[in-house]
Amino acid sequence: MALHITQILEKPLITEKNSLVGSVDNVVVFQVHRDANKKMIKGAVETLFGVNVIDVRTQQKYGKERRVGKFTGNRAQTKKAFVKLAQGQNIDFFAA
């Protein structure tokens, strides 16, 4: 499956824990498409944000089974990417 560069990165994951990792190791966390590999993620971040990427680590998050009354279902499976940026570079998501 060929993914377009805008389909690879779904959204940035901004939480307390991810902000702590980002401030210590200069890492940005994204939710990415499940079929995207590390090379695709690296290329997408470098192209879309104009930064140099040093390392990409990925993590699969499997969907849990959830129940509402007598009905059961599963949450969607997702994939996270921890993208380490070069020294002195950052991505500002809240710039005006």
Protein backbone atom coordinates (compact mmCIF):
# COMPACT_ATOMS: atom_id res chain seq x y z
CA MET A 1 0.00 0.00 0.00
CA ALA A 2 1.47 3.32 -1.06
CA LEU A 3 0.82 6.06 1.46
CA HIS A 4 0.91 9.74 0.61
CA ILE A 5 3.19 11.83 2.80
CA THR A 6 0.22 13.53 4.46
CA GLN A 7 -1.36 10.18 5.41
CA ILE A 8 1.64 8.89 7.35
CA LEU A 9 1.44 11.30 10.31
CA GLU A 10 -2.07 11.29 11.76
CA LYS A 11 -1.66 13.64 14.73
CA PRO A 12 0.84 14.71 17.37
CA LEU A 13 0.35 13.11 20.78
CA ILE A 14 0.71 15.87 23.36
CA THR A 15 0.50 14.53 26.91
CA GLU A 16 2.38 15.18 30.13
CA LYS A 17 4.54 12.11 29.70
CA ASN A 18 5.34 12.90 26.06
CA SER A 19 6.19 16.49 26.97
CA LEU A 20 8.62 15.26 29.63
CA VAL A 21 10.31 12.93 27.14
CA GLY A 22 10.45 15.76 24.63
CA SER A 23 12.08 18.20 27.01
CA VAL A 24 14.74 15.72 28.16
CA ASP A 25 15.64 13.91 24.92
CA ASN A 26 14.33 16.31 22.21
CA VAL A 27 11.72 13.75 21.11
CA VAL A 28 8.34 14.42 19.47
CA VAL A 29 5.59 11.78 19.58
CA PHE A 30 3.14 11.23 16.72
CA GLN A 31 0.27 8.85 16.08
CA VAL A 32 1.07 7.37 12.69
CA HIS A 33 -0.62 5.14 10.13
CA ARG A 34 -0.36 1.46 11.06
CA ASP A 35 1.27 0.54 7.73
CA ALA A 36 3.98 3.22 7.94
CA ASN A 37 7.54 2.08 8.58
CA LYS A 38 10.41 4.00 10.17
CA LYS A 39 11.87 5.26 6.88
CA MET A 40 8.49 6.59 5.77
CA ILE A 41 7.96 8.34 9.12
CA LYS A 42 11.42 9.91 9.02
CA GLY A 43 10.88 11.21 5.48
CA ALA A 44 7.45 12.62 6.31
CA VAL A 45 8.67 14.52 9.40
CA GLU A 46 11.71 15.93 7.58
CA THR A 47 9.63 17.04 4.60
CA LEU A 48 6.60 18.47 6.42
CA PHE A 49 8.43 20.25 9.27
CA GLY A 50 11.88 20.94 7.78
CA VAL A 51 13.90 19.36 10.61
CA ASN A 52 16.64 16.73 10.77
CA VAL A 53 15.58 13.41 12.30
CA ILE A 54 18.19 11.35 14.16
CA ASP A 55 16.16 8.32 15.25
CA VAL A 56 12.64 6.89 14.99
CA ARG A 57 11.19 4.35 17.42
CA THR A 58 7.74 2.86 16.94
CA GLN A 59 5.27 1.23 19.29
CA GLN A 60 2.13 -0.78 18.53
CA LYS A 61 -0.87 -0.12 20.74
CA TYR A 62 -3.39 -2.94 20.51
CA GLY A 63 -7.10 -2.19 20.90
CA LYS A 64 -8.81 -3.22 24.12
CA GLU A 65 -12.13 -4.99 24.29
CA ARG A 66 -14.80 -2.64 25.62
CA ARG A 67 -18.33 -3.31 26.75
CA VAL A 68 -21.42 -1.10 26.98
CA GLY A 69 -24.24 -3.02 28.58
CA LYS A 70 -24.58 -6.32 26.80
CA PHE A 71 -22.76 -5.16 23.66
CA THR A 72 -19.02 -5.75 23.22
CA GLY A 73 -16.60 -4.24 20.77
CA ASN A 74 -12.95 -3.43 20.29
CA ARG A 75 -11.12 -0.13 20.25
CA ALA A 76 -9.01 0.58 17.20
CA GLN A 77 -5.38 -0.47 17.12
CA THR A 78 -2.93 2.42 16.77
CA LYS A 79 0.77 3.00 16.26
CA LYS A 80 2.98 5.62 17.92
CA ALA A 81 6.27 6.99 16.64
CA PHE A 82 8.89 8.57 18.90
CA VAL A 83 10.92 10.87 16.63
CA LYS A 84 14.25 12.15 17.96
CA LEU A 85 15.28 15.47 16.43
CA ALA A 86 18.76 16.88 15.91
CA GLN A 87 20.29 19.07 18.60
CA GLY A 88 18.84 22.59 18.64
CA GLN A 89 15.81 21.80 16.47
CA ASN A 90 12.19 21.59 17.56
CA ILE A 91 8.65 21.51 16.20
CA ASP A 92 6.29 24.12 17.63
CA PHE A 93 2.69 22.95 17.23
CA PHE A 94 1.21 26.02 18.91
CA ALA A 95 2.88 28.72 16.81
CA ALA A 96 0.46 31.41 15.68
